[in-house]
Each structure stands twice: as structure tokens, then as C-alpha cells.
């Protein structure tokens, strides 16, 4: 029986808090997939500062209650910002939208107490567009013993299948997303030739560099890694930071608040950028080495997506750390996917799977107890 093909919108605002990615896809929630439209809209300066300020105020569950009035105010502004973007896109494409996957803006994430808070009023969005909205993607995973992240691996697995088919790549394949946090999805064959996928958060992505830039310049990020290239790495501080870094387990999810820039506070702005970039690159490369250390293949592919892949200084440092490691590094754009919109496409895809009650979390990705679906399905019209 042929599966219904859904047209779905995915909305994603990541930990950089710079704006919203929107993607329109067609999929059956299984193996059929096509990208219809992708766009990005930067937050206005007022909303950007409100989001950053609110996230900085929330460090525990009590803070969610303490700042509830401000949370509600910013959430409404954030939701309306997303709605304006959807309106704009609907006016430009000739598609009947079935579902809207609304990830929201994460302001608090703590798997230990099973709470993850994303700003975004799904009921309001459903009412405005008379469409079914899926949001709150992470909570059901947390309720079942998972880490609440990463959720994109099931979509990465689909991407891997398409790339294998169209470009004749052989497994194992690693898809590395460098957002605020860096996560890796590893797709490989087991001893029975069955394809399995695993996912891990391995360390910071853009979060340390972005935080340093925001605190020292009226900028949001180090474009192309230009300031890092100007600066000089302080090897003493770098090596101390690496030695002091405690990564307890690749079995746990990470949050931007797990990292801070205090160890470079005595450096110049440019040297701080250079040292933080090298530190981030080391942790990403080290994570790849450890995850693939039992790989008996002659080589394996590392395909990068997310905003961090555009930081030339970061990518060069990662390549330098991985030299002679039988690793083939490539940008996902070279396989006909837009690396800026993998996560927004993923949440469009996840919304379809959620609607169909298909699993979006797996023991091998979030450490939940069993494969489960997730997301609240909202119909407020």
C-alpha cells in the first residue's frame, strides 16, 4: 500500500539564537523525501537580545517559575516572529501544507530532572494557520529515560541512504552537525550486515566562539573564522583546557551551559577566538576518533553540516587533527543537501513521523529505554 506523501514545514531556532530556519519538504515519514523550499530569517535586534538575556537567567527549574511572566512575553513575540515567516513562505510557494513542525527556542534543558523548555506557542500557531502543529518534541523521550537529544539522527539516516544511492558511498558514514553543540550520527553495518545508526553529543560547536564574540564585540559570531585566523593560539592555555576538560560520557546530551569561556578571559579578543576555535576543533576531532576507534573499515566518511562548517579556521583545525586517520572529510552541500537547513528539514520530517506515531527516539541515539515517538500534536481550530 502506497504511503501518503505529506507536505510539512519545519521551523528551527538553534542555540546560536540568531534567527529561524524554515524548510518545506515532502515525505511519507519513511524513505520518500524531497526538499521544496528553504529560507532563513534573522531575529530583529530586540528579540535577539531578549532571547539571549532570558536564556542567561534560567539555570535551574526554579528560574522557569521565577521568570514565568517574561517567558510568556518573549514566547509570544517569538511565536509571532515564526508566524510572519510562515506567512511569507506560504505566499511564495504553491503548496498545501499538511503539518507544521515547530521546534521552538530552547532556554533550558536538563535530562537529569527530565525537563526541556522550548519557547513557542504551538496552539497559537495552529490557530493562526488552521494547521496541525507538532511541538514539544523532546519531552516524551525524557519521560522514557532518554537525554532528549539528539533527535535528528533518524533524518541523518535517511540522508545517508540517499547519499549512498546517488553517490555510491560505502558505510560507515558519520554525519556531523556543528551547531551550538556538535553531535555526530554514525551509520554503519553490524556483523549481520544490518544497517545501524548511533548518535552522540561530542562537545561544543559554535557556542564558545559565539559567546566570546558576543561578549567582546557587537557581533554574533566569527564570520568564516576571520578573527581566529588573525589571532594566535595560546598553547599553554589550550593544553590546560584540554587536560582539565572532563567529558563524562558520550551517553549524555550536552547543553551550551555546560561550557564557558572563562579560561581565555586574559587573552586579547583575536587570541581568544583562535584558542577557543582550536579547543573546539580538538574536542570534535577527539570525539570522531573515539567513536570510530573500533571501526575496522579502511576508511570512513565524515560529512559536515550546520553553521560551524562555514568557519574555515575551525574546519581547517579539525582536518589538521584528523590527518592520516583514514577519514574522508566533506561538506554535505557536495551531496546536494543544503547544510544550512538540515535541522529545519529534520523537524519537518520528524513532525510527519510524530503525526504517524512512528519512532523519533532510539536507545542508540538518546539512550531512551525503547524506540518511541514524540511531540505534542496540536489542532487548535
Protein backbone atom coordinates (compact mmCIF):
# COMPACT_ATOMS: atom_id res chain seq x y z
CA UNK A 1 0.00 0.00 0.00
CA UNK A 2 1.38 3.35 -1.04
CA UNK A 3 2.06 5.75 1.83
CA UNK A 4 0.59 9.24 1.86
CA UNK A 5 3.08 11.97 0.97
CA UNK A 6 2.83 14.87 3.41
CA UNK A 7 3.89 18.45 2.80
CA UNK A 8 5.44 19.68 6.01
CA UNK A 9 7.03 22.86 7.32
CA UNK A 10 9.92 22.60 9.76
CA UNK A 11 10.97 25.54 11.94
CA UNK A 12 14.26 25.51 13.82
CA UNK A 13 15.95 28.10 16.00
CA UNK A 14 19.21 26.77 17.35
CA UNK A 15 21.42 27.59 20.32
CA UNK A 16 23.07 30.47 18.46
CA UNK A 17 19.70 32.27 18.78
CA UNK A 18 20.38 34.33 15.67
CA UNK A 19 17.19 33.57 13.75
CA UNK A 20 14.84 30.92 12.39
CA UNK A 21 15.45 28.36 9.65
CA UNK A 22 12.34 27.26 7.78
CA UNK A 23 12.12 24.30 5.43
CA UNK A 24 9.27 22.84 3.39
CA UNK A 25 9.60 19.17 2.50
CA UNK A 26 7.55 16.34 1.07
CA UNK A 27 7.86 12.94 2.68
CA UNK A 28 5.97 9.84 3.71
CA UNK A 29 7.84 9.79 7.03
CA UNK A 30 9.78 6.76 5.84
CA UNK A 31 12.19 6.78 2.86
CA UNK A 32 10.49 9.16 0.44
CA UNK A 33 11.90 12.69 0.66
CA UNK A 34 12.17 15.84 -1.39
CA UNK A 35 13.13 19.36 -0.42
CA UNK A 36 10.74 22.05 -1.64
CA UNK A 37 11.90 25.32 -0.08
CA UNK A 38 14.39 26.63 2.47
CA UNK A 39 14.78 30.10 3.95
CA UNK A 40 16.24 31.89 6.93
CA UNK A 41 15.09 35.00 8.77
CA UNK A 42 17.33 36.77 11.24
CA UNK A 43 15.84 37.95 14.53
CA UNK A 44 15.46 41.68 14.94
CA UNK A 45 17.90 43.09 17.45
CA UNK A 46 15.27 43.48 20.17
CA UNK A 47 14.07 39.88 20.08
CA UNK A 48 17.63 38.57 19.79
CA UNK A 49 18.69 40.41 22.95
CA UNK A 50 15.56 39.30 24.81
CA UNK A 51 16.20 35.65 23.96
CA UNK A 52 19.86 35.78 24.98
CA UNK A 53 19.00 37.62 28.20
CA UNK A 54 16.23 35.15 29.10
CA UNK A 55 18.41 32.10 28.49
CA UNK A 56 21.16 33.58 30.67
CA UNK A 57 18.66 34.00 33.53
CA UNK A 58 17.49 30.37 33.51
CA UNK A 59 19.95 27.96 35.07
CA UNK A 60 17.56 25.69 37.01
CA UNK A 61 13.93 24.61 37.20
CA UNK A 62 13.07 27.28 39.79
CA UNK A 63 14.14 30.00 37.37
CA UNK A 64 11.42 28.87 34.95
CA UNK A 65 8.83 29.79 37.58
CA UNK A 66 10.62 32.94 38.73
CA UNK A 67 10.73 34.36 35.20
CA UNK A 68 7.40 32.94 34.01
CA UNK A 69 5.93 36.36 33.10
CA UNK A 70 8.95 37.27 30.99
CA UNK A 71 8.95 33.79 29.45
CA UNK A 72 5.32 34.20 28.36
CA UNK A 73 6.01 37.65 26.88
CA UNK A 74 9.07 36.56 24.92
CA UNK A 75 7.37 33.32 23.86
CA UNK A 76 4.52 35.25 22.25
CA UNK A 77 6.93 37.54 20.38
CA UNK A 78 8.95 34.53 19.26
CA UNK A 79 5.84 32.67 18.07
CA UNK A 80 4.59 35.68 16.10
CA UNK A 81 8.03 36.05 14.52
CA UNK A 82 7.73 32.44 13.31
CA UNK A 83 4.18 33.05 12.09
CA UNK A 84 5.28 36.04 9.99
CA UNK A 85 7.94 33.88 8.37
CA UNK A 86 5.41 31.12 7.63
CA UNK A 87 3.05 33.69 6.11
CA UNK A 88 5.83 34.96 3.89
CA UNK A 89 6.69 31.46 2.67
CA UNK A 90 3.11 30.36 2.09
CA UNK A 91 2.72 33.44 -0.12
CA UNK A 92 5.72 32.38 -2.20
CA UNK A 93 5.07 28.67 -2.74
CA UNK A 94 2.11 26.91 -4.28
CA UNK A 95 1.77 24.10 -1.77
CA UNK A 96 -0.99 22.92 0.55
CA UNK A 97 0.68 22.48 3.93
CA UNK A 98 -0.34 19.42 5.96
CA UNK A 99 1.78 19.84 9.09
CA UNK A 100 4.00 22.35 10.86
CA UNK A 101 6.91 21.07 12.95
CA UNK A 102 7.69 23.82 15.46
CA UNK A 103 10.81 23.01 17.46
CA UNK A 104 10.89 26.30 19.34
CA UNK A 105 13.79 28.03 21.10
CA UNK A 106 15.47 26.05 23.85
CA UNK A 107 16.06 28.08 27.02
CA UNK A 108 16.52 25.21 29.48
CA UNK A 109 17.50 21.56 29.07
CA UNK A 110 18.25 19.18 31.94
CA UNK A 111 17.82 15.43 31.34
CA UNK A 112 18.58 14.65 34.99
CA UNK A 113 15.28 16.18 36.07
CA UNK A 114 13.55 15.28 32.79
CA UNK A 115 12.76 18.85 31.76
CA UNK A 116 13.44 20.61 28.49
CA UNK A 117 11.84 24.01 27.86
CA UNK A 118 11.44 25.40 24.37
CA UNK A 119 9.78 28.75 23.77
CA UNK A 120 6.99 28.55 21.21
CA UNK A 121 3.20 28.54 21.49
CA UNK A 122 2.12 25.68 19.24
CA UNK A 123 -1.56 26.19 19.98
CA UNK A 124 -1.36 29.82 18.86
CA UNK A 125 0.44 28.82 15.68
CA UNK A 126 -2.18 26.15 14.95
CA UNK A 127 -4.97 28.67 15.46
CA UNK A 128 -3.34 31.26 13.20
CA UNK A 129 -2.83 28.91 10.24
CA UNK A 130 -5.60 26.36 10.79
CA UNK A 131 -2.97 23.64 10.54
CA UNK A 132 -1.87 20.78 12.77
CA UNK A 133 1.27 21.78 14.66
CA UNK A 134 3.69 19.39 16.31
CA UNK A 135 5.93 20.75 19.05
CA UNK A 136 7.48 19.74 22.39
CA UNK A 137 9.49 17.06 20.57
CA UNK A 138 11.86 16.27 23.44
CA UNK A 139 9.65 15.64 26.46
CA UNK A 140 8.42 12.14 25.68
CA UNK A 141 11.99 10.98 25.19
CA UNK A 142 12.94 12.44 28.58
CA UNK A 143 9.92 10.73 30.14
CA UNK A 144 11.23 7.38 28.87
CA UNK A 145 14.75 7.71 30.23
CA UNK A 146 16.29 9.45 27.22
CA UNK A 147 18.51 12.50 27.09
CA UNK A 148 16.04 14.49 24.96
CA UNK A 149 18.74 14.91 22.30
CA UNK A 150 19.88 14.48 19.63
CA UNK A 151 16.63 13.96 17.69
CA UNK A 152 17.92 14.43 14.14
CA UNK A 153 19.65 11.01 13.68
CA UNK A 154 16.61 9.30 12.11
CA UNK A 155 16.72 12.03 9.46
CA UNK A 156 20.50 11.71 9.14
CA UNK A 157 19.93 8.01 8.50
CA UNK A 158 17.58 8.91 5.64
CA UNK A 159 20.16 11.35 4.24
CA UNK A 160 22.78 8.61 4.40
CA UNK A 161 20.56 6.27 2.36
CA UNK A 162 20.04 8.95 -0.30
CA UNK A 163 23.75 9.78 -0.47
CA UNK A 164 24.70 6.10 -0.67
CA UNK A 165 22.26 5.61 -3.54
CA UNK A 166 23.13 8.74 -5.51
CA UNK A 167 26.89 8.92 -4.89
CA UNK A 168 27.79 5.26 -4.32
CA UNK A 169 29.34 5.97 -0.92
CA UNK A 170 30.07 3.00 1.29
CA UNK A 171 29.44 2.75 5.00
CA UNK A 172 30.46 3.72 7.61
CA UNK A 173 29.26 7.31 7.28
CA UNK A 174 29.40 9.95 10.02
CA UNK A 175 27.14 13.00 9.72
CA UNK A 176 28.47 15.75 11.94
CA UNK A 177 26.28 18.73 12.79
CA UNK A 178 28.20 21.71 14.15
CA UNK A 179 25.55 23.91 15.72
CA UNK A 180 25.88 25.38 19.20
CA UNK A 181 26.75 21.83 20.26
CA UNK A 182 28.40 19.28 17.97
CA UNK A 183 26.61 15.98 17.51
CA UNK A 184 27.56 13.02 15.38
CA UNK A 185 25.35 10.38 13.80
CA UNK A 186 27.27 7.27 12.81
CA UNK A 187 25.68 4.91 10.29
CA UNK A 188 27.34 1.53 9.82
CA UNK A 189 26.73 -2.15 9.18
CA UNK A 190 26.83 -4.63 12.03
CA UNK A 191 28.23 -8.16 11.82
CA UNK A 192 24.95 -9.35 10.31
CA UNK A 193 25.11 -6.69 7.56
CA UNK A 194 22.17 -4.83 9.08
CA UNK A 195 22.41 -1.04 8.98
CA UNK A 196 22.50 0.55 12.42
CA UNK A 197 22.79 4.18 13.46
CA UNK A 198 24.16 5.69 16.65
CA UNK A 199 24.33 9.29 17.84
CA UNK A 200 26.43 11.24 20.29
CA UNK A 201 26.98 14.78 21.51
CA UNK A 202 30.76 15.18 21.47
CA UNK A 203 31.42 18.73 22.66
CA UNK A 204 30.91 22.39 21.87
CA UNK A 205 30.22 23.54 18.35
CA UNK A 206 29.83 27.26 17.86
CA UNK A 207 28.74 28.06 21.42
CA UNK A 208 32.10 29.01 22.96
CA UNK A 209 33.23 31.07 19.97
CA UNK A 210 29.84 32.80 19.66
CA UNK A 211 29.74 33.59 23.38
CA UNK A 212 33.24 35.09 23.30
CA UNK A 213 32.38 37.20 20.25
CA UNK A 214 29.10 38.47 21.75
CA UNK A 215 30.83 39.46 25.00
CA UNK A 216 33.69 41.31 23.30
CA UNK A 217 32.26 42.71 20.05
CA UNK A 218 28.94 43.97 18.78
CA UNK A 219 28.76 40.84 16.64
CA UNK A 220 27.03 37.46 16.85
CA UNK A 221 29.76 35.15 15.54
CA UNK A 222 33.22 34.98 13.99
CA UNK A 223 32.37 35.03 10.29
CA UNK A 224 34.45 32.47 8.39
CA UNK A 225 36.76 32.25 11.42
CA UNK A 226 38.44 35.50 10.33
CA UNK A 227 39.25 36.72 13.86
CA UNK A 228 40.59 33.28 14.79
CA UNK A 229 42.88 33.44 11.78
CA UNK A 230 44.21 36.84 12.89
CA UNK A 231 44.78 35.67 16.46
CA UNK A 232 47.46 33.45 17.92
CA UNK A 233 46.64 30.26 19.80
CA UNK A 234 47.89 30.28 23.39
CA UNK A 235 49.18 26.70 23.52
CA UNK A 236 49.66 26.71 27.30
CA UNK A 237 46.04 27.71 27.95
CA UNK A 238 44.82 25.39 25.20
CA UNK A 239 46.61 22.34 26.60
CA UNK A 240 45.48 23.14 30.16
CA UNK A 241 41.88 23.45 28.94
CA UNK A 242 42.12 20.11 27.15
CA UNK A 243 43.67 18.46 30.22
CA UNK A 244 41.03 19.95 32.53
CA UNK A 245 38.09 19.12 30.30
CA UNK A 246 36.01 16.34 31.80
CA UNK A 247 33.80 14.59 29.35
CA UNK A 248 31.99 12.07 31.48
CA UNK A 249 30.33 10.08 28.75
CA UNK A 250 29.18 10.14 25.14
CA UNK A 251 25.97 8.68 26.54
CA UNK A 252 24.78 12.07 27.82
CA UNK A 253 23.45 15.08 25.93
CA UNK A 254 25.14 18.46 26.21
CA UNK A 255 23.87 21.99 26.60
CA UNK A 256 25.60 25.29 25.83
CA UNK A 257 25.60 25.96 29.58
CA UNK A 258 27.95 23.02 30.05
CA UNK A 259 30.72 25.23 28.65
CA UNK A 260 32.13 28.68 29.39
CA UNK A 261 34.88 30.93 28.07
CA UNK A 262 36.48 31.83 31.42
CA UNK A 263 39.74 30.04 30.62
CA UNK A 264 40.59 32.56 27.86
CA UNK A 265 39.44 35.72 29.65
CA UNK A 266 43.00 37.07 29.95
CA UNK A 267 43.64 36.90 26.19
CA UNK A 268 43.10 39.50 23.51
CA UNK A 269 39.90 39.20 21.52
CA UNK A 270 41.61 37.67 18.48
CA UNK A 271 43.79 35.30 20.54
CA UNK A 272 40.68 34.22 22.47
CA UNK A 273 38.93 33.42 19.18
CA UNK A 274 41.95 31.45 17.96
CA UNK A 275 42.33 29.47 21.20
CA UNK A 276 38.61 28.69 21.57
CA UNK A 277 38.44 27.61 17.93
CA UNK A 278 41.39 25.25 18.36
CA UNK A 279 39.90 23.88 21.62
CA UNK A 280 36.56 23.24 19.90
CA UNK A 281 38.27 21.58 16.94
CA UNK A 282 40.26 19.29 19.22
CA UNK A 283 37.15 18.06 21.04
CA UNK A 284 35.27 17.42 17.78
CA UNK A 285 38.23 15.53 16.28
CA UNK A 286 38.80 13.62 19.50
CA UNK A 287 35.14 12.61 19.57
CA UNK A 288 35.35 11.34 16.00
CA UNK A 289 38.48 9.36 16.81
CA UNK A 290 36.94 7.73 19.87
CA UNK A 291 33.62 6.93 18.24
CA UNK A 292 35.31 5.32 15.27
CA UNK A 293 38.20 3.62 17.08
CA UNK A 294 36.60 0.19 16.75
CA UNK A 295 35.84 0.71 13.10
CA UNK A 296 37.65 -1.92 11.06
CA UNK A 297 36.91 -0.28 7.72
CA UNK A 298 39.81 1.04 5.69
CA UNK A 299 38.24 4.49 5.66
CA UNK A 300 35.09 6.27 6.66
CA UNK A 301 33.26 9.36 5.55
CA UNK A 302 32.73 12.43 7.72
CA UNK A 303 30.07 14.69 6.24
CA UNK A 304 29.67 18.07 7.92
CA UNK A 305 26.55 20.22 8.19
CA UNK A 306 25.40 23.14 10.36
CA UNK A 307 26.68 26.70 10.65
CA UNK A 308 30.05 25.70 12.08
CA UNK A 309 31.11 24.07 8.82
CA UNK A 310 31.39 27.59 7.34
CA UNK A 311 34.02 28.57 9.91
CA UNK A 312 37.12 27.99 7.79
CA UNK A 313 39.51 28.23 10.74
CA UNK A 314 37.52 25.64 12.71
CA UNK A 315 37.26 23.22 9.80
CA UNK A 316 40.95 23.51 8.98
CA UNK A 317 41.85 22.78 12.59
CA UNK A 318 39.57 19.72 12.62
CA UNK A 319 41.22 18.44 9.43
CA UNK A 320 44.67 19.02 10.90
CA UNK A 321 43.80 16.99 13.99
CA UNK A 322 42.43 14.16 11.85
CA UNK A 323 45.23 13.97 9.30
CA UNK A 324 46.27 10.38 8.41
CA UNK A 325 43.27 8.92 10.24
CA UNK A 326 41.66 7.28 7.18
CA UNK A 327 38.93 9.88 7.31
CA UNK A 328 37.33 11.37 4.19
CA UNK A 329 36.01 14.85 5.09
CA UNK A 330 33.35 16.54 3.02
CA UNK A 331 30.65 19.23 3.17
CA UNK A 332 27.09 17.91 2.89
CA UNK A 333 26.45 20.56 0.22
CA UNK A 334 28.58 18.45 -2.11
CA UNK A 335 25.90 15.75 -1.91
CA UNK A 336 23.03 18.02 -2.99
CA UNK A 337 21.83 18.85 0.54
CA UNK A 338 21.91 22.40 1.87
CA UNK A 339 23.95 22.18 5.06
CA UNK A 340 22.30 25.30 6.48
CA UNK A 341 18.89 23.65 6.67
CA UNK A 342 19.43 20.05 7.75
CA UNK A 343 17.87 20.64 11.18
CA UNK A 344 14.80 22.53 9.89
CA UNK A 345 14.29 19.80 7.29
CA UNK A 346 14.72 17.25 10.06
CA UNK A 347 11.94 18.74 12.17
CA UNK A 348 9.65 18.88 9.15
CA UNK A 349 10.39 15.15 8.73
CA UNK A 350 10.04 14.43 12.46
CA UNK A 351 6.66 16.14 12.52
CA UNK A 352 5.41 13.66 9.91
CA UNK A 353 6.78 10.73 11.90
CA UNK A 354 5.22 12.14 15.07
CA UNK A 355 1.86 12.52 13.36
CA UNK A 356 2.09 8.90 12.17
CA UNK A 357 3.18 7.76 15.66
CA UNK A 358 6.48 6.49 14.28
CA UNK A 359 9.62 6.45 16.45
CA UNK A 360 11.80 9.56 16.54
CA UNK A 361 13.96 8.50 19.52
CA UNK A 362 16.00 5.33 19.86
CA UNK A 363 18.14 3.71 22.55
CA UNK A 364 21.15 4.12 20.24
CA UNK A 365 20.60 7.88 19.84
CA UNK A 366 19.13 9.38 23.01
CA UNK A 367 19.56 6.37 25.37
CA UNK A 368 15.79 6.06 25.88
CA UNK A 369 14.55 2.67 27.05
CA UNK A 370 12.89 1.76 23.76
CA UNK A 371 12.18 3.27 20.35
CA UNK A 372 9.40 5.81 20.84
CA UNK A 373 7.56 8.58 19.06
CA UNK A 374 7.32 12.08 20.48
CA UNK A 375 5.94 15.56 20.08
CA UNK A 376 2.58 17.07 21.01
CA UNK A 377 0.09 17.01 18.14
CA UNK A 378 -1.92 20.23 18.34
CA UNK A 379 -5.08 21.07 16.43
CA UNK A 380 -6.43 24.39 17.67
CA UNK A 381 -9.01 25.25 15.01
